[in-house]
Each structure stands twice: as structure tokens, then as C-alpha cells.
Amino acid sequence: MDIEAFRITTPTTSQIIILIVVVFVIGLGLFIMARRSTTRGEKGKTTGAGWHNFYQIAKNRGLSKAETDILKRLVLMCKLSKPVLIFTSINILDSCVQRTVRKLSLQEVKGESKDDTINMYYRLRNKIARTKSAGGITTTRAIPVGARIRVMMPNYGNFKVTVNQNEEKYLGISIPVLPPGKVMPWDKKKVKCSYWKEDDAAYVFMTKVEDVIVNDEIQTICLKHADKITRIQKRLYPRKSVRLPVFFSRVRVIEEGGKKKAIVDRKDTHWGTVIDISVGGLSVETAIPVSKNNYIRVEFELREDYKLIAFGKVKRIEQNSARKTWLMHIQFTKIDKKHKNEIFALLYNYQTI
């Protein structure tokens, strides 16, 4: 059997060029893949598509370019695997903001610059939470157990109560605590109620008392369900219920040299209780109210060893005949950003330094 010999020939110039091109292309491809892998690792394993969705959501939420850039830095600092998590999870948003705020608080920076920066993060957090898509409510059947609502009864005042039942036929609320010797005739009475849905708006509805249940297991007032609810307000800032002693003084505005000047009237000073607070204002329960549209100075301890002083205007007054008190709704007109930041921390349950 004949065996044909193989002859090894020298490669031509064109073959060498083709080989070099192939090796270059393969090497370039491997280099690009390695760079993309490194970039994903350095930026929290995010992808182009992830950032595209991030920018789209930011635009839909009404964030400015500056706010979007700040939020992007927050995502990168916290090394989130998916940028959109900052919008879709309130817990992740709170975690990122609180970590950043605490880091800023520990820095040796004094003056307005630090307070301004912290306040910027708080306002951005508030804006994202407010614009988070949340459906409104159209019936009292959608009010969750544990929610706080305000019940207003003509000639008796208003009371804050807790929803303790939401049954098919009625909405159950806790019986308010009245002063000794006071009795409230709830049976079959018509009442006006208001409910604040977190990160949404305030809702008002009219209903009537169907029954009052008092036994060893539960004490509840049964309200007839309402399918007609009015959405009346979308607050700029959330509001939190508190019980804080407060001193307030009336502020008199006088003209001096053609300019208006505010004078705190120390003789017209009284005490009350802050029952709720927000970055925009607070509500004070007192037996001696300041008239509507007057200015006042408030002073109280927001937390232990932290005194807050601010100025505000009385926007609305409500009388509680059963308790013989008045409720003043006050809008802040002058308050330091440092105080605002402390209120933000209280609203969001953040730990402060």
C-alpha cells in the first residue's frame, strides 16, 4: 500500500495577516467582556437596562435632573444591585437615606452646609414617597385595622380613635377616653370622620353609629360603612401623632420705622400639648387658644435634651366641648433647618446622633 507524503509549506503573507486579524478580534472581544464585568461589579452589578428604567421612573415621578443625579449617587454609594429598588422599596430607600444622613452627621462640618445637605436628602426621600403610585380609597371597607381616624360629633367635639375591626357590615372603632363624669350618647348618632392614608391624602366621609359593643373581649363603636368618600387633601409632608408638652406665646406684629417687627408677648404665654407634628406645622391642644390668623412662638422638647423653638401662624381652631379644650392647627412660618431635619427623623423613625 502506497502512502502519500504530506508536505508542510511556508504560510503566505495573506494567511499571516488573516491570522493576526483573527487573534486581534478575539482578544478585543475578551477585553470588552472583561471590562463590562468589572464595571458591573464596581457599580453594584447594574446594567444599562437597569439605569434606563431608573431614569424613566425618576422622570415619571417628577424628579429634576439635579435630584436624579443625587439619587444616582445614593444608589452607587449604597451599592444597590438594581437601581430601581430605590423607588420600589420604601425600606431600601429609608435604609440608604438614613445611612447617608448618619454619615454626614458624623462629619466635622459645621454650619448651614451640613444641615442643608441633610435636609436635601430628607426632602428627596419625602418627594419619592409622596409620588409613589398608590391607589386611593373609595369605601371605608379599604381602611385597615390599626389605622387612626378622627371622629367629629356636633356639639361634642372631635376624637382620635383606632380602627379595631373592619367587618362586612360595619367599621369598628375604639371607644374614646372621656374625662371623668362625661358620657357620650353614641347610639344612632351621625358622625363625620376623617382618615389620613400614609403617603397619599386625607379622606372625609359621613356615616352613623349602628351599634356599640362592650364585652370582655372588645369595646367598639360600630359605624355603618360609607361608599361615598371625599379625597380632600394631599399633604406635602406626613404627620405623626405625639404627646409633647409645649409652651406657646402670642407674637404681636407692630410697625416701627415703616417696617413690620415681631414682638413675643411673654405675658401672653400658655401651655398645651402637641398632639401631632409635621415638617410644615403642628397641632396644639390647649384650654387657652390663640385666635385664628395670629402668630405664635412655640417651645418644646422634641426628644430628650433637644429643645425646638419655632414660629407659626394659627390656621384653624377646633373646639372639643367634651374635654373643654381647643385644638390649634399651626403652620410654621420660621424654623431652622436643623429642627426640620430632627422632625424628619421623627417622622421616618430614623435614629439620630
Protein backbone atom coordinates (compact mmCIF):
# COMPACT_ATOMS: atom_id res chain seq x y z
CA MET A 1 0.00 0.00 0.00
CA ASP A 2 1.39 3.37 -1.06
CA ILE A 3 1.42 6.13 1.50
CA GLU A 4 1.15 9.67 0.18
CA ALA A 5 3.62 12.07 1.85
CA PHE A 6 2.43 15.35 3.33
CA ARG A 7 4.42 18.45 2.60
CA ILE A 8 4.50 21.36 5.00
CA THR A 9 4.63 24.62 3.15
CA THR A 10 5.53 28.12 4.38
CA PRO A 11 2.39 30.28 5.05
CA THR A 12 1.79 33.10 2.66
CA THR A 13 1.73 36.77 3.66
CA SER A 14 -2.07 36.95 3.29
CA GLN A 15 -2.54 33.96 5.58
CA ILE A 16 -0.36 35.58 8.26
CA ILE A 17 -2.37 38.81 8.04
CA ILE A 18 -5.66 36.91 8.37
CA LEU A 19 -4.34 35.04 11.41
CA ILE A 20 -3.24 38.28 13.09
CA VAL A 21 -6.66 39.88 12.44
CA VAL A 22 -8.48 36.87 13.93
CA VAL A 23 -6.30 36.87 17.05
CA PHE A 24 -6.81 40.65 17.45
CA VAL A 25 -10.58 40.39 17.13
CA ILE A 26 -10.76 37.55 19.67
CA GLY A 27 -8.52 39.45 22.09
CA LEU A 28 -10.56 42.63 21.71
CA GLY A 29 -13.77 40.73 22.39
CA LEU A 30 -12.34 39.17 25.55
CA PHE A 31 -11.10 42.58 26.72
CA ILE A 32 -14.53 44.20 26.24
CA MET A 33 -16.26 41.37 28.11
CA ALA A 34 -13.79 41.71 30.98
CA ARG A 35 -14.34 45.49 31.18
CA ARG A 36 -18.12 45.11 31.25
CA SER A 37 -17.86 42.53 34.00
CA THR A 38 -15.62 44.82 36.06
CA THR A 39 -17.91 47.82 35.54
CA ARG A 40 -20.93 45.83 36.68
CA GLY A 41 -19.03 44.78 39.79
CA GLU A 42 -17.91 48.31 40.59
CA LYS A 43 -21.40 49.79 40.16
CA GLY A 44 -23.31 47.23 42.17
CA LYS A 45 -23.77 44.83 39.23
CA THR A 46 -26.14 47.22 37.47
CA THR A 47 -26.85 47.06 33.75
CA GLY A 48 -27.60 49.60 31.08
CA ALA A 49 -31.21 48.47 31.06
CA GLY A 50 -31.37 48.94 34.86
CA TRP A 51 -30.21 52.53 34.62
CA HIS A 52 -32.58 53.19 31.72
CA ASN A 53 -35.52 52.10 33.90
CA PHE A 54 -34.13 54.19 36.78
CA TYR A 55 -34.07 57.36 34.68
CA GLN A 56 -37.54 56.61 33.29
CA ILE A 57 -39.07 56.20 36.75
CA ALA A 58 -37.30 59.34 38.00
CA LYS A 59 -38.81 61.29 35.11
CA ASN A 60 -42.28 59.87 35.74
CA ARG A 61 -42.02 60.81 39.43
CA GLY A 62 -41.24 64.41 38.50
CA LEU A 63 -37.65 64.46 39.77
CA SER A 64 -35.42 67.19 38.36
CA LYS A 65 -32.06 66.43 36.76
CA ALA A 66 -30.26 67.56 39.92
CA GLU A 67 -32.47 65.37 42.12
CA THR A 68 -31.96 62.41 39.79
CA ASP A 69 -28.18 62.85 39.92
CA ILE A 70 -28.26 62.98 43.73
CA LEU A 71 -30.36 59.83 43.83
CA LYS A 72 -27.99 58.06 41.45
CA ARG A 73 -25.05 58.87 43.73
CA LEU A 74 -27.06 57.44 46.61
CA VAL A 75 -27.64 54.20 44.67
CA LEU A 76 -23.94 53.87 43.84
CA MET A 77 -22.82 54.66 47.41
CA CYS A 78 -25.16 52.02 48.80
CA LYS A 79 -24.17 49.53 46.03
CA LEU A 80 -27.73 48.52 45.15
CA SER A 81 -27.88 45.55 42.76
CA LYS A 82 -30.82 47.18 40.92
CA PRO A 83 -31.17 50.97 40.75
CA VAL A 84 -34.99 50.84 40.59
CA LEU A 85 -35.12 49.36 44.11
CA ILE A 86 -34.68 52.89 45.44
CA PHE A 87 -38.17 53.64 44.03
CA THR A 88 -39.96 50.33 44.57
CA SER A 89 -38.96 49.58 48.18
CA ILE A 90 -39.58 52.17 50.88
CA ASN A 91 -37.44 50.12 53.29
CA ILE A 92 -34.44 50.26 50.94
CA LEU A 93 -34.99 53.98 50.37
CA ASP A 94 -35.10 54.60 54.13
CA SER A 95 -32.01 52.47 54.72
CA CYS A 96 -29.98 54.35 52.09
CA VAL A 97 -31.08 57.79 53.27
CA GLN A 98 -30.55 57.04 56.95
CA ARG A 99 -27.05 55.61 56.36
CA THR A 100 -26.09 58.67 54.33
CA VAL A 101 -27.57 61.13 56.84
CA ARG A 102 -25.80 59.44 59.76
CA LYS A 103 -22.51 59.52 57.86
CA LEU A 104 -22.96 63.24 57.19
CA SER A 105 -23.89 63.88 60.83
CA LEU A 106 -20.61 62.35 61.99
CA GLN A 107 -18.52 64.55 59.73
CA GLU A 108 -16.70 67.50 61.26
CA VAL A 109 -18.64 70.05 59.25
CA LYS A 110 -20.48 72.87 60.97
CA GLY A 111 -22.94 75.49 59.87
CA GLU A 112 -25.68 75.60 57.27
CA SER A 113 -23.86 73.46 54.69
CA LYS A 114 -24.30 70.21 56.64
CA ASP A 115 -27.92 70.97 57.61
CA ASP A 116 -28.71 71.95 54.01
CA THR A 117 -27.26 68.71 52.63
CA ILE A 118 -29.09 66.53 55.16
CA ASN A 119 -32.31 68.46 54.54
CA MET A 120 -31.87 67.87 50.80
CA TYR A 121 -31.79 64.08 51.31
CA TYR A 122 -34.83 64.21 53.58
CA ARG A 123 -36.83 66.29 51.09
CA LEU A 124 -35.85 63.93 48.26
CA ARG A 125 -36.97 60.94 50.34
CA ASN A 126 -40.27 62.70 51.06
CA LYS A 127 -40.83 63.51 47.39
CA ILE A 128 -40.21 59.92 46.27
CA ALA A 129 -42.59 58.58 48.92
CA ARG A 130 -45.30 61.11 48.01
CA THR A 131 -45.13 60.33 44.30
CA LYS A 132 -45.13 56.58 44.83
CA SER A 133 -48.05 55.17 42.91
CA ALA A 134 -50.78 54.35 45.39
CA GLY A 135 -54.46 53.89 44.64
CA GLY A 136 -56.95 55.98 46.55
CA ILE A 137 -59.79 54.55 48.57
CA THR A 138 -63.46 54.68 47.59
CA THR A 139 -65.03 52.89 50.55
CA THR A 140 -64.46 52.53 54.29
CA ARG A 141 -64.01 48.82 53.68
CA ALA A 142 -60.50 49.69 52.46
CA ILE A 143 -59.43 51.30 55.76
CA PRO A 144 -57.04 48.89 57.51
CA VAL A 145 -57.33 47.71 61.09
CA GLY A 146 -54.95 49.75 63.25
CA ALA A 147 -55.48 52.96 61.28
CA ARG A 148 -56.13 56.17 63.19
CA ILE A 149 -59.18 58.24 62.25
CA ARG A 150 -60.74 61.39 63.64
CA VAL A 151 -64.41 61.31 64.58
CA MET A 152 -66.32 64.60 64.82
CA MET A 153 -69.68 64.78 66.56
CA PRO A 154 -71.69 68.03 66.52
CA ASN A 155 -71.83 69.77 69.93
CA TYR A 156 -69.39 67.29 71.45
CA GLY A 157 -66.11 67.88 69.63
CA ASN A 158 -63.72 65.54 67.84
CA PHE A 159 -61.84 62.47 68.95
CA LYS A 160 -58.94 60.44 67.61
CA VAL A 161 -59.72 56.73 67.65
CA THR A 162 -58.29 53.49 66.29
CA VAL A 163 -59.93 51.12 63.82
CA ASN A 164 -60.09 47.79 65.67
CA GLN A 165 -62.41 45.89 63.32
CA ASN A 166 -63.41 46.07 59.66
CA GLU A 167 -66.25 43.63 59.15
CA GLU A 168 -68.54 43.16 56.19
CA LYS A 169 -71.39 45.10 57.78
CA TYR A 170 -69.57 47.73 59.83
CA LEU A 171 -66.33 49.55 60.61
CA GLY A 172 -65.35 49.11 64.24
CA ILE A 173 -63.56 51.91 66.12
CA SER A 174 -62.26 52.14 69.68
CA ILE A 175 -64.35 54.00 72.25
CA PRO A 176 -62.61 57.32 73.04
CA VAL A 177 -61.48 58.01 76.59
CA LEU A 178 -63.57 60.80 78.08
CA PRO A 179 -62.90 62.96 81.15
CA PRO A 180 -64.34 61.63 84.43
CA GLY A 181 -68.09 62.15 84.67
CA LYS A 182 -68.52 62.69 80.91
CA VAL A 183 -70.90 60.46 78.93
CA MET A 184 -71.20 60.35 75.14
CA PRO A 185 -74.59 59.33 73.64
CA TRP A 186 -73.24 57.43 70.62
CA ASP A 187 -76.32 55.37 69.74
CA LYS A 188 -77.58 56.10 66.20
CA LYS A 189 -75.71 59.40 66.06
CA LYS A 190 -74.45 60.83 62.77
CA VAL A 191 -70.73 61.48 62.71
CA LYS A 192 -68.18 62.98 60.37
CA CYS A 193 -64.88 61.12 60.07
CA SER A 194 -61.51 61.88 58.52
CA TYR A 195 -58.75 59.42 57.69
CA TRP A 196 -55.20 60.15 56.58
CA LYS A 197 -53.77 57.49 54.28
CA GLU A 198 -49.99 57.47 54.58
CA ASP A 199 -48.12 58.83 51.55
CA ASP A 200 -51.44 59.62 49.87
CA ALA A 201 -54.05 62.09 51.10
CA ALA A 202 -56.78 62.87 53.63
CA TYR A 203 -60.26 61.37 53.18
CA VAL A 204 -63.55 62.53 54.72
CA PHE A 205 -66.83 60.62 54.98
CA MET A 206 -70.19 60.87 56.73
CA THR A 207 -71.73 57.89 58.50
CA LYS A 208 -73.73 56.96 61.57
CA VAL A 209 -73.36 54.75 64.63
CA GLU A 210 -75.07 51.39 64.15
CA ASP A 211 -74.23 49.80 67.49
CA VAL A 212 -71.90 49.87 70.50
CA ILE A 213 -70.35 46.59 71.63
CA VAL A 214 -68.88 46.33 75.11
CA ASN A 215 -67.78 42.96 76.50
CA ASP A 216 -64.74 41.24 77.98
CA GLU A 217 -63.15 40.75 74.55
CA ILE A 218 -63.70 44.07 72.80
CA GLN A 219 -65.10 47.55 73.23
CA THR A 220 -66.04 49.06 69.92
CA ILE A 221 -68.35 51.52 68.21
CA CYS A 222 -69.82 50.09 65.02
CA LEU A 223 -70.01 52.60 62.18
CA LYS A 224 -72.04 51.96 59.06
CA HIS A 225 -69.78 51.51 56.03
CA ALA A 226 -69.61 54.52 53.70
CA ASP A 227 -69.16 54.16 49.94
CA LYS A 228 -69.00 57.89 49.36
CA ILE A 229 -65.62 59.24 50.42
CA THR A 230 -64.14 62.61 49.52
CA ARG A 231 -60.40 62.96 48.92
CA ILE A 232 -59.78 66.45 50.24
CA GLN A 233 -56.05 66.97 50.63
CA LYS A 234 -52.67 65.68 49.61
CA ARG A 235 -50.26 66.84 52.29
CA LEU A 236 -46.80 67.97 51.41
CA TYR A 237 -45.35 66.20 54.46
CA PRO A 238 -46.53 63.24 56.54
CA ARG A 239 -47.87 63.90 60.04
CA LYS A 240 -47.17 61.93 63.21
CA SER A 241 -49.20 61.67 66.41
CA VAL A 242 -47.28 62.64 69.56
CA ARG A 243 -47.94 63.84 73.12
CA LEU A 244 -45.45 66.60 73.94
CA PRO A 245 -45.84 69.44 76.48
CA VAL A 246 -45.43 72.83 74.82
CA PHE A 247 -45.23 76.48 75.86
CA PHE A 248 -46.56 78.98 73.34
CA SER A 249 -46.57 82.76 73.32
CA ARG A 250 -48.54 85.15 71.17
CA VAL A 251 -46.45 87.19 68.73
CA ARG A 252 -47.61 90.73 68.07
CA VAL A 253 -46.66 92.40 64.80
CA ILE A 254 -46.02 96.13 65.06
CA GLU A 255 -44.79 98.77 62.64
CA GLU A 256 -41.59 100.57 63.51
CA GLY A 257 -39.92 103.00 61.14
CA GLY A 258 -42.14 101.85 58.29
CA LYS A 259 -41.14 98.23 58.80
CA LYS A 260 -43.03 95.40 60.47
CA LYS A 261 -41.49 93.90 63.58
CA ALA A 262 -42.47 90.81 65.54
CA ILE A 263 -42.61 91.07 69.33
CA VAL A 264 -43.04 87.98 71.52
CA ASP A 265 -45.57 88.77 74.26
CA ARG A 266 -44.14 86.90 77.26
CA LYS A 267 -47.17 87.91 79.36
CA ASP A 268 -49.46 86.11 76.92
CA THR A 269 -47.77 82.72 77.35
CA HIS A 270 -49.67 79.48 77.98
CA TRP A 271 -49.06 75.76 77.89
CA GLY A 272 -50.64 72.97 75.91
CA THR A 273 -49.90 69.61 74.31
CA VAL A 274 -48.54 68.95 70.82
CA ILE A 275 -50.73 66.10 69.56
CA ASP A 276 -49.33 65.80 66.03
CA ILE A 277 -46.43 67.26 64.09
CA SER A 278 -45.03 67.50 60.58
CA VAL A 279 -42.24 69.44 58.89
CA GLY A 280 -44.85 72.02 57.85
CA GLY A 281 -46.53 72.56 61.21
CA LEU A 282 -48.17 71.06 64.27
CA SER A 283 -51.42 70.83 66.23
CA VAL A 284 -51.66 72.00 69.83
CA GLU A 285 -54.42 71.13 72.30
CA THR A 286 -54.96 73.81 74.94
CA ALA A 287 -57.56 75.37 77.20
CA ILE A 288 -56.48 78.90 76.22
CA PRO A 289 -56.12 79.17 72.44
CA VAL A 290 -54.69 81.98 70.34
CA SER A 291 -57.16 83.32 67.78
CA LYS A 292 -57.05 82.31 64.14
CA ASN A 293 -54.58 84.14 61.85
CA ASN A 294 -52.44 85.23 64.82
CA TYR A 295 -48.75 84.41 65.04
CA ILE A 296 -47.25 82.44 67.92
CA ARG A 297 -43.90 81.17 69.19
CA VAL A 298 -43.73 77.53 70.32
CA GLU A 299 -41.09 75.92 72.52
CA PHE A 300 -40.95 72.23 73.43
CA GLU A 301 -38.64 69.23 73.68
CA LEU A 302 -38.93 67.11 70.55
CA ARG A 303 -36.88 64.39 72.23
CA GLU A 304 -34.81 64.15 75.38
CA ASP A 305 -32.37 67.05 75.67
CA TYR A 306 -33.41 68.52 72.30
CA LYS A 307 -35.35 71.78 72.52
CA LEU A 308 -37.18 73.03 69.44
CA ILE A 309 -38.20 76.66 69.02
CA ALA A 310 -40.23 77.84 66.04
CA PHE A 311 -42.70 80.49 64.91
CA GLY A 312 -46.01 79.80 63.24
CA LYS A 313 -49.44 81.06 62.26
CA VAL A 314 -52.72 79.71 63.60
CA LYS A 315 -54.56 78.50 60.50
CA ARG A 316 -57.57 76.78 62.07
CA ILE A 317 -59.16 76.19 65.50
CA GLU A 318 -61.48 73.37 66.56
CA GLN A 319 -63.38 73.16 69.84
CA ASN A 320 -63.69 69.95 71.85
CA SER A 321 -66.70 70.52 74.08
CA ALA A 322 -66.37 67.21 75.91
CA ARG A 323 -62.79 67.94 77.01
CA LYS A 324 -63.31 71.71 77.27
CA THR A 325 -60.24 72.30 75.15
CA TRP A 326 -59.34 73.81 71.79
CA LEU A 327 -57.20 72.40 69.01
CA MET A 328 -54.98 74.92 67.21
CA HIS A 329 -53.63 73.93 63.79
CA ILE A 330 -50.39 75.86 63.29
CA GLN A 331 -48.34 76.33 60.14
CA PHE A 332 -44.63 77.03 60.63
CA THR A 333 -43.50 80.43 59.35
CA LYS A 334 -39.94 80.34 60.69
CA ILE A 335 -38.00 77.23 61.73
CA ASP A 336 -34.31 76.27 61.47
CA LYS A 337 -33.35 73.56 59.02
CA LYS A 338 -31.69 71.66 61.85
CA HIS A 339 -35.08 71.47 63.58
CA LYS A 340 -36.73 70.41 60.32
CA ASN A 341 -34.20 67.59 60.00
CA GLU A 342 -34.98 66.39 63.52
CA ILE A 343 -38.70 66.37 62.70
CA PHE A 344 -37.98 64.39 59.51
CA ALA A 345 -36.05 61.85 61.59
CA LEU A 346 -39.01 61.54 63.97
CA LEU A 347 -41.50 61.08 61.12
CA TYR A 348 -39.45 58.32 59.50
CA ASN A 349 -38.37 56.68 62.77
CA TYR A 350 -34.69 57.31 62.00
CA GLN A 351 -32.11 57.05 64.75
CA THR A 352 -30.34 60.34 65.36
CA ILE A 353 -26.84 61.04 66.63
